[in-house]
N, C-alpha and C. Protein backbone atom coordinates (compact mmCIF):
# COMPACT_ATOMS: atom_id res chain seq x y z
N MET A 1 24.56 -13.81 -43.23
CA MET A 1 23.13 -13.90 -43.00
C MET A 1 22.42 -14.36 -44.28
N ASN A 2 21.40 -15.21 -44.10
CA ASN A 2 20.60 -15.62 -45.26
C ASN A 2 19.42 -14.65 -45.44
N ARG A 3 18.63 -14.86 -46.49
CA ARG A 3 17.51 -13.95 -46.79
C ARG A 3 16.53 -13.84 -45.64
N GLY A 4 16.19 -14.97 -45.03
CA GLY A 4 15.24 -14.95 -43.93
C GLY A 4 15.74 -14.15 -42.75
N GLU A 5 17.01 -14.33 -42.41
CA GLU A 5 17.60 -13.59 -41.29
C GLU A 5 17.65 -12.09 -41.57
N ILE A 6 17.99 -11.72 -42.81
CA ILE A 6 18.02 -10.31 -43.20
C ILE A 6 16.62 -9.72 -43.10
N ALA A 7 15.63 -10.43 -43.64
CA ALA A 7 14.25 -9.94 -43.62
C ALA A 7 13.76 -9.77 -42.19
N ILE A 8 14.01 -10.76 -41.33
CA ILE A 8 13.56 -10.68 -39.94
C ILE A 8 14.23 -9.51 -39.22
N ALA A 9 15.53 -9.33 -39.41
CA ALA A 9 16.24 -8.22 -38.76
C ALA A 9 15.68 -6.88 -39.19
N LEU A 10 15.41 -6.70 -40.48
CA LEU A 10 14.86 -5.43 -40.96
C LEU A 10 13.43 -5.21 -40.46
N LEU A 11 12.62 -6.25 -40.49
CA LEU A 11 11.24 -6.11 -40.02
C LEU A 11 11.18 -5.79 -38.53
N ARG A 12 12.05 -6.39 -37.75
CA ARG A 12 12.11 -6.06 -36.32
C ARG A 12 12.54 -4.61 -36.13
N ALA A 13 13.54 -4.18 -36.91
CA ALA A 13 14.06 -2.82 -36.76
C ALA A 13 13.01 -1.76 -37.06
N ILE A 14 12.08 -2.05 -37.97
CA ILE A 14 11.04 -1.06 -38.29
C ILE A 14 9.73 -1.34 -37.56
N GLY A 15 9.74 -2.32 -36.66
CA GLY A 15 8.60 -2.56 -35.79
C GLY A 15 7.42 -3.27 -36.43
N ILE A 16 7.70 -4.19 -37.35
CA ILE A 16 6.62 -4.95 -37.98
C ILE A 16 6.35 -6.20 -37.15
N GLN A 17 5.14 -6.32 -36.64
CA GLN A 17 4.73 -7.45 -35.81
C GLN A 17 4.38 -8.67 -36.67
N GLU A 18 3.65 -8.42 -37.78
CA GLU A 18 3.18 -9.55 -38.58
C GLU A 18 2.90 -9.09 -40.01
N LEU A 19 3.24 -9.96 -40.96
CA LEU A 19 2.92 -9.76 -42.38
C LEU A 19 2.12 -10.96 -42.84
N GLU A 20 1.14 -10.71 -43.70
CA GLU A 20 0.36 -11.80 -44.28
C GLU A 20 0.38 -11.66 -45.80
N TYR A 21 0.78 -12.75 -46.46
CA TYR A 21 0.81 -12.81 -47.91
C TYR A 21 -0.17 -13.87 -48.39
N SER A 22 -0.74 -13.64 -49.57
CA SER A 22 -1.52 -14.70 -50.22
C SER A 22 -0.72 -15.13 -51.44
N LEU A 23 -0.77 -16.43 -51.71
CA LEU A 23 -0.10 -17.01 -52.87
C LEU A 23 -1.13 -17.68 -53.75
N ASP A 24 -0.98 -17.54 -55.05
CA ASP A 24 -1.88 -18.20 -56.00
C ASP A 24 -1.09 -18.48 -57.26
N GLY A 25 -1.02 -19.76 -57.63
CA GLY A 25 -0.23 -20.11 -58.80
C GLY A 25 -0.83 -21.25 -59.58
N GLY A 26 -0.36 -21.38 -60.81
CA GLY A 26 -0.78 -22.45 -61.69
C GLY A 26 -0.25 -22.18 -63.08
N GLY A 27 -0.28 -23.21 -63.93
CA GLY A 27 0.32 -23.05 -65.26
C GLY A 27 1.82 -23.06 -65.09
N ASP A 28 2.44 -21.94 -65.30
CA ASP A 28 3.87 -21.80 -65.03
C ASP A 28 4.16 -20.48 -64.34
N SER A 29 3.17 -19.95 -63.62
CA SER A 29 3.39 -18.67 -62.95
C SER A 29 2.64 -18.63 -61.63
N GLY A 30 3.03 -17.67 -60.82
CA GLY A 30 2.38 -17.51 -59.53
C GLY A 30 2.50 -16.07 -59.05
N ASP A 31 1.58 -15.70 -58.20
CA ASP A 31 1.57 -14.35 -57.64
C ASP A 31 1.61 -14.43 -56.13
N SER A 32 2.44 -13.56 -55.54
CA SER A 32 2.40 -13.38 -54.09
C SER A 32 1.94 -11.96 -53.85
N THR A 33 0.95 -11.81 -52.98
CA THR A 33 0.37 -10.50 -52.71
C THR A 33 0.44 -10.22 -51.22
N LEU A 34 1.00 -9.08 -50.87
CA LEU A 34 1.05 -8.66 -49.49
C LEU A 34 -0.34 -8.17 -49.10
N GLU A 35 -0.98 -8.88 -48.18
CA GLU A 35 -2.36 -8.59 -47.80
C GLU A 35 -2.48 -7.70 -46.56
N ARG A 36 -1.54 -7.89 -45.62
CA ARG A 36 -1.68 -7.18 -44.35
C ARG A 36 -0.31 -6.94 -43.73
N ILE A 37 -0.14 -5.72 -43.19
CA ILE A 37 1.07 -5.35 -42.46
C ILE A 37 0.63 -4.80 -41.11
N GLN A 38 1.04 -5.48 -40.04
CA GLN A 38 0.67 -5.03 -38.70
C GLN A 38 1.92 -4.57 -37.95
N HIS A 39 1.89 -3.35 -37.47
CA HIS A 39 2.98 -2.77 -36.68
C HIS A 39 2.87 -3.27 -35.24
N VAL A 40 3.96 -3.19 -34.47
CA VAL A 40 3.94 -3.66 -33.08
C VAL A 40 2.96 -2.89 -32.21
N ASP A 41 2.62 -1.66 -32.60
CA ASP A 41 1.66 -0.89 -31.80
C ASP A 41 0.21 -1.19 -32.20
N GLY A 42 0.01 -2.16 -33.10
CA GLY A 42 -1.33 -2.58 -33.49
C GLY A 42 -1.86 -1.93 -34.76
N ARG A 43 -1.20 -0.86 -35.21
CA ARG A 43 -1.67 -0.20 -36.44
C ARG A 43 -1.49 -1.11 -37.65
N LEU A 44 -2.41 -0.99 -38.59
CA LEU A 44 -2.26 -1.66 -39.88
C LEU A 44 -1.67 -0.64 -40.85
N LEU A 45 -0.60 -1.02 -41.52
CA LEU A 45 0.09 -0.12 -42.44
C LEU A 45 -0.32 -0.40 -43.87
N ASP A 46 -0.19 0.61 -44.73
CA ASP A 46 -0.55 0.48 -46.14
C ASP A 46 0.55 -0.18 -46.96
N ARG A 47 1.79 0.10 -46.59
CA ARG A 47 2.91 -0.45 -47.38
C ARG A 47 4.17 -0.48 -46.53
N LEU A 48 5.15 -1.23 -47.04
CA LEU A 48 6.46 -1.30 -46.39
C LEU A 48 7.34 -0.16 -46.91
N PRO A 49 8.26 0.31 -46.08
CA PRO A 49 9.19 1.34 -46.57
C PRO A 49 10.15 0.76 -47.60
N ASP A 50 10.64 1.60 -48.49
CA ASP A 50 11.59 1.18 -49.54
C ASP A 50 13.00 1.13 -48.98
N ILE A 51 13.30 0.10 -48.23
CA ILE A 51 14.62 -0.08 -47.63
C ILE A 51 15.46 -0.93 -48.58
N PRO A 52 16.61 -0.43 -49.01
CA PRO A 52 17.48 -1.23 -49.88
C PRO A 52 18.04 -2.44 -49.14
N THR A 53 18.07 -3.59 -49.82
CA THR A 53 18.61 -4.82 -49.21
C THR A 53 19.75 -5.41 -50.02
N GLY A 54 20.04 -4.84 -51.17
CA GLY A 54 21.13 -5.36 -52.00
C GLY A 54 21.03 -4.82 -53.41
N ILE A 55 21.88 -5.35 -54.27
CA ILE A 55 21.93 -4.94 -55.67
C ILE A 55 21.87 -6.20 -56.52
N ASP A 56 21.04 -6.17 -57.59
CA ASP A 56 20.94 -7.34 -58.46
C ASP A 56 22.08 -7.34 -59.48
N GLY A 57 22.10 -8.31 -60.35
CA GLY A 57 23.16 -8.48 -61.34
C GLY A 57 23.25 -7.37 -62.37
N THR A 58 22.19 -6.57 -62.50
CA THR A 58 22.21 -5.47 -63.47
C THR A 58 22.53 -4.14 -62.80
N GLY A 59 22.82 -4.16 -61.50
CA GLY A 59 23.17 -2.93 -60.79
C GLY A 59 21.99 -2.19 -60.19
N ARG A 60 20.80 -2.76 -60.28
CA ARG A 60 19.62 -2.11 -59.69
C ARG A 60 19.50 -2.46 -58.22
N ALA A 61 19.04 -1.51 -57.43
CA ALA A 61 18.83 -1.74 -56.00
C ALA A 61 17.64 -2.65 -55.78
N ARG A 62 17.77 -3.58 -54.86
CA ARG A 62 16.67 -4.44 -54.43
C ARG A 62 16.18 -3.93 -53.08
N THR A 63 14.87 -3.97 -52.88
CA THR A 63 14.27 -3.42 -51.66
C THR A 63 13.76 -4.53 -50.75
N LEU A 64 13.34 -4.14 -49.56
CA LEU A 64 12.76 -5.06 -48.60
C LEU A 64 11.55 -5.77 -49.21
N SER A 65 10.70 -5.06 -49.93
CA SER A 65 9.53 -5.69 -50.55
C SER A 65 9.93 -6.79 -51.52
N TRP A 66 10.94 -6.52 -52.33
CA TRP A 66 11.43 -7.53 -53.28
C TRP A 66 11.98 -8.73 -52.53
N LEU A 67 12.77 -8.49 -51.49
CA LEU A 67 13.35 -9.56 -50.70
C LEU A 67 12.25 -10.45 -50.10
N LEU A 68 11.22 -9.81 -49.54
CA LEU A 68 10.12 -10.56 -48.93
C LEU A 68 9.32 -11.34 -49.97
N ASP A 69 9.03 -10.73 -51.12
CA ASP A 69 8.31 -11.45 -52.19
C ASP A 69 9.08 -12.70 -52.60
N ASP A 70 10.38 -12.56 -52.76
CA ASP A 70 11.24 -13.67 -53.16
C ASP A 70 11.26 -14.76 -52.07
N LEU A 71 11.39 -14.35 -50.83
CA LEU A 71 11.42 -15.27 -49.70
C LEU A 71 10.10 -16.02 -49.57
N VAL A 72 9.00 -15.30 -49.62
CA VAL A 72 7.66 -15.88 -49.46
C VAL A 72 7.38 -16.90 -50.57
N ALA A 73 7.81 -16.62 -51.78
CA ALA A 73 7.58 -17.53 -52.91
C ALA A 73 8.29 -18.86 -52.71
N ASP A 74 9.40 -18.85 -51.96
CA ASP A 74 10.17 -20.08 -51.74
C ASP A 74 9.78 -20.84 -50.48
N LEU A 75 8.93 -20.29 -49.64
CA LEU A 75 8.59 -20.93 -48.36
C LEU A 75 7.73 -22.19 -48.47
N PRO A 76 6.73 -22.25 -49.36
CA PRO A 76 5.90 -23.47 -49.41
C PRO A 76 6.72 -24.71 -49.76
N GLU A 77 6.41 -25.82 -49.10
CA GLU A 77 7.09 -27.08 -49.37
C GLU A 77 6.32 -27.86 -50.43
N GLY A 78 6.28 -27.34 -51.60
CA GLY A 78 5.57 -27.96 -52.71
C GLY A 78 5.54 -26.99 -53.87
N ASP A 79 5.19 -27.50 -55.03
CA ASP A 79 5.19 -26.68 -56.24
C ASP A 79 3.83 -26.00 -56.39
N TRP A 80 3.73 -24.76 -55.93
CA TRP A 80 2.48 -24.02 -55.98
C TRP A 80 2.36 -23.21 -57.27
N VAL A 81 3.39 -23.26 -58.13
CA VAL A 81 3.40 -22.44 -59.33
C VAL A 81 3.13 -23.26 -60.59
N ASN A 82 3.81 -24.37 -60.78
CA ASN A 82 3.73 -25.13 -62.03
C ASN A 82 2.52 -26.05 -62.08
N ASN A 83 2.16 -26.40 -63.30
CA ASN A 83 1.03 -27.29 -63.58
C ASN A 83 -0.24 -26.75 -62.92
N GLU A 84 -0.93 -27.57 -62.11
CA GLU A 84 -2.17 -27.12 -61.50
C GLU A 84 -1.91 -26.10 -60.39
N GLY A 85 -0.71 -26.13 -59.79
CA GLY A 85 -0.32 -25.13 -58.81
C GLY A 85 -1.03 -25.26 -57.49
N GLY A 86 -1.14 -24.13 -56.81
CA GLY A 86 -1.76 -24.12 -55.50
C GLY A 86 -2.03 -22.70 -55.04
N TYR A 87 -2.59 -22.61 -53.85
CA TYR A 87 -2.90 -21.30 -53.29
C TYR A 87 -2.83 -21.42 -51.77
N GLY A 88 -2.66 -20.29 -51.12
CA GLY A 88 -2.60 -20.32 -49.67
C GLY A 88 -2.12 -19.01 -49.08
N THR A 89 -1.68 -19.13 -47.83
CA THR A 89 -1.29 -17.96 -47.06
C THR A 89 0.06 -18.21 -46.39
N VAL A 90 0.89 -17.17 -46.37
CA VAL A 90 2.15 -17.19 -45.63
C VAL A 90 2.09 -16.04 -44.64
N ILE A 91 2.39 -16.36 -43.38
CA ILE A 91 2.43 -15.34 -42.34
C ILE A 91 3.84 -15.28 -41.78
N ILE A 92 4.36 -14.07 -41.66
CA ILE A 92 5.69 -13.86 -41.09
C ILE A 92 5.52 -13.07 -39.81
N ARG A 93 6.09 -13.61 -38.73
CA ARG A 93 6.03 -12.97 -37.41
C ARG A 93 7.47 -12.73 -36.93
N PRO A 94 8.03 -11.57 -37.22
CA PRO A 94 9.45 -11.31 -36.93
C PRO A 94 9.84 -11.45 -35.46
N PHE A 95 8.93 -11.18 -34.53
CA PHE A 95 9.28 -11.22 -33.11
C PHE A 95 9.04 -12.59 -32.48
N GLU A 96 8.52 -13.54 -33.24
CA GLU A 96 8.28 -14.89 -32.73
C GLU A 96 9.63 -15.61 -32.61
N GLU A 97 9.88 -16.23 -31.45
CA GLU A 97 11.14 -16.93 -31.22
C GLU A 97 11.14 -18.35 -31.81
N ASP A 98 9.98 -18.99 -31.90
CA ASP A 98 9.87 -20.34 -32.45
C ASP A 98 9.89 -20.25 -33.98
N ASP A 99 10.91 -20.86 -34.60
CA ASP A 99 11.06 -20.79 -36.06
C ASP A 99 9.84 -21.35 -36.80
N ASP A 100 9.19 -22.37 -36.23
CA ASP A 100 8.01 -22.95 -36.87
C ASP A 100 6.84 -21.97 -36.92
N LEU A 101 6.78 -21.05 -35.97
CA LEU A 101 5.71 -20.06 -35.94
C LEU A 101 6.12 -18.74 -36.59
N ARG A 102 7.42 -18.51 -36.71
CA ARG A 102 7.90 -17.27 -37.33
C ARG A 102 7.51 -17.22 -38.81
N PHE A 103 7.65 -18.34 -39.50
CA PHE A 103 7.26 -18.44 -40.91
C PHE A 103 6.19 -19.52 -41.00
N GLU A 104 4.93 -19.12 -41.06
CA GLU A 104 3.82 -20.07 -41.12
C GLU A 104 3.27 -20.12 -42.54
N CYS A 105 3.16 -21.32 -43.05
CA CYS A 105 2.71 -21.52 -44.43
C CYS A 105 1.51 -22.46 -44.43
N ASP A 106 0.39 -22.02 -44.97
CA ASP A 106 -0.80 -22.85 -45.08
C ASP A 106 -1.19 -22.89 -46.56
N MET A 107 -0.85 -23.99 -47.22
CA MET A 107 -1.04 -24.09 -48.66
C MET A 107 -1.99 -25.24 -49.02
N THR A 108 -2.68 -25.08 -50.12
CA THR A 108 -3.49 -26.12 -50.73
C THR A 108 -2.97 -26.30 -52.14
N PHE A 109 -2.63 -27.52 -52.50
CA PHE A 109 -2.12 -27.80 -53.83
C PHE A 109 -3.22 -28.44 -54.65
N ARG A 110 -3.46 -27.89 -55.83
CA ARG A 110 -4.53 -28.39 -56.70
C ARG A 110 -4.13 -29.73 -57.32
N GLU A 111 -5.12 -30.58 -57.49
CA GLU A 111 -4.89 -31.84 -58.18
C GLU A 111 -5.11 -31.63 -59.66
N GLU A 112 -4.61 -32.54 -60.46
CA GLU A 112 -4.75 -32.42 -61.91
C GLU A 112 -6.21 -32.27 -62.28
N GLY A 113 -6.51 -31.27 -63.09
CA GLY A 113 -7.87 -31.01 -63.53
C GLY A 113 -8.66 -30.10 -62.62
N ASP A 114 -8.09 -29.70 -61.48
CA ASP A 114 -8.76 -28.81 -60.53
C ASP A 114 -8.36 -27.38 -60.84
N TYR A 115 -9.22 -26.67 -61.53
CA TYR A 115 -8.88 -25.31 -61.96
C TYR A 115 -9.74 -24.25 -61.31
N GLY A 116 -10.49 -24.60 -60.32
CA GLY A 116 -11.32 -23.60 -59.64
C GLY A 116 -12.44 -24.26 -58.88
N GLY A 117 -13.31 -23.44 -58.34
CA GLY A 117 -14.43 -23.94 -57.55
C GLY A 117 -15.58 -24.39 -58.42
N GLU A 118 -16.60 -24.94 -57.77
CA GLU A 118 -17.78 -25.42 -58.50
C GLU A 118 -18.48 -24.30 -59.23
N ASP A 119 -18.52 -23.11 -58.64
CA ASP A 119 -19.17 -21.97 -59.29
C ASP A 119 -18.49 -21.64 -60.60
N ASP A 120 -17.15 -21.75 -60.64
CA ASP A 120 -16.42 -21.47 -61.87
C ASP A 120 -16.82 -22.45 -62.96
N ASP A 121 -16.96 -23.74 -62.61
CA ASP A 121 -17.34 -24.74 -63.60
C ASP A 121 -18.72 -24.44 -64.17
N GLU A 122 -19.67 -24.07 -63.30
CA GLU A 122 -21.02 -23.76 -63.76
C GLU A 122 -21.00 -22.54 -64.68
N GLU A 123 -20.17 -21.55 -64.34
CA GLU A 123 -20.10 -20.35 -65.15
C GLU A 123 -19.62 -20.68 -66.56
N PHE A 124 -18.60 -21.55 -66.68
CA PHE A 124 -18.09 -21.92 -67.99
C PHE A 124 -19.12 -22.74 -68.76
N GLU A 125 -19.83 -23.63 -68.06
CA GLU A 125 -20.86 -24.41 -68.73
C GLU A 125 -21.93 -23.49 -69.28
N ASP A 126 -22.36 -22.50 -68.50
CA ASP A 126 -23.38 -21.57 -68.96
C ASP A 126 -22.91 -20.79 -70.18
N GLU A 127 -21.64 -20.40 -70.17
CA GLU A 127 -21.11 -19.64 -71.31
C GLU A 127 -21.08 -20.50 -72.56
N ASP A 128 -20.75 -21.79 -72.42
CA ASP A 128 -20.67 -22.67 -73.58
C ASP A 128 -22.03 -22.82 -74.26
N PHE A 129 -23.11 -22.80 -73.48
CA PHE A 129 -24.43 -23.03 -74.03
C PHE A 129 -25.23 -21.76 -74.24
N ASP A 130 -24.67 -20.64 -73.90
CA ASP A 130 -25.34 -19.36 -74.07
C ASP A 130 -25.11 -18.90 -75.51
N SER A 131 -26.13 -19.00 -76.33
CA SER A 131 -25.94 -18.61 -77.73
C SER A 131 -26.61 -17.27 -77.98
N ASP A 132 -26.00 -16.54 -78.87
CA ASP A 132 -26.60 -15.30 -79.33
C ASP A 132 -26.84 -15.44 -80.82
N ASP A 133 -27.41 -14.44 -81.45
CA ASP A 133 -27.71 -14.52 -82.87
C ASP A 133 -26.46 -14.72 -83.71
N ASP A 134 -25.37 -14.02 -83.36
CA ASP A 134 -24.13 -14.15 -84.13
C ASP A 134 -23.60 -15.56 -84.08
N GLY A 135 -23.62 -16.18 -82.87
CA GLY A 135 -23.12 -17.54 -82.71
C GLY A 135 -23.94 -18.52 -83.53
N ALA A 136 -25.26 -18.34 -83.56
CA ALA A 136 -26.13 -19.23 -84.32
C ALA A 136 -25.87 -19.09 -85.80
N GLU A 137 -25.65 -17.86 -86.26
CA GLU A 137 -25.39 -17.66 -87.69
C GLU A 137 -24.07 -18.27 -88.08
N ASP A 138 -23.04 -18.13 -87.21
CA ASP A 138 -21.74 -18.69 -87.52
C ASP A 138 -21.83 -20.21 -87.61
N ALA A 139 -22.60 -20.82 -86.69
CA ALA A 139 -22.73 -22.28 -86.70
C ALA A 139 -23.44 -22.74 -87.96
N GLU A 140 -24.47 -22.00 -88.43
CA GLU A 140 -25.18 -22.36 -89.63
C GLU A 140 -24.30 -22.19 -90.86
N ALA A 141 -23.48 -21.14 -90.87
CA ALA A 141 -22.61 -20.87 -92.02
C ALA A 141 -21.58 -21.97 -92.21
N VAL A 142 -21.12 -22.59 -91.10
CA VAL A 142 -20.11 -23.62 -91.17
C VAL A 142 -20.72 -24.92 -91.69
N SER A 143 -22.00 -25.18 -91.41
CA SER A 143 -22.64 -26.43 -91.78
C SER A 143 -22.67 -26.63 -93.26
């Protein structure tokens, strides 16, 4: 069995209907965050159980959460971590029979120079021109 098959089998066994992750990356790093866990009975759960799924090279146990984080990070068909990176959502539906719907990935990849929204740009511009007494004294001292 591959990682996806193991994850789906475990999620079905514990009655998880749907998981939603958010991904956000750039530079040389990225974060995957578990946003929502829905049980088959409709309840929203706070966290996944600590089910062991294997052992890493140092002898430490790996859990279902680790397996899913690793799997979700590899699902987007593009580099969402390096350079400008990207952001988006991954949804896992363990009981879905159609593979295209079982792992749904909706990603946006940033273009070079795109580091945030328009509000972020305005905030940085305001900070650059917002002077205080200390900043003015430092600028005069350098002159």
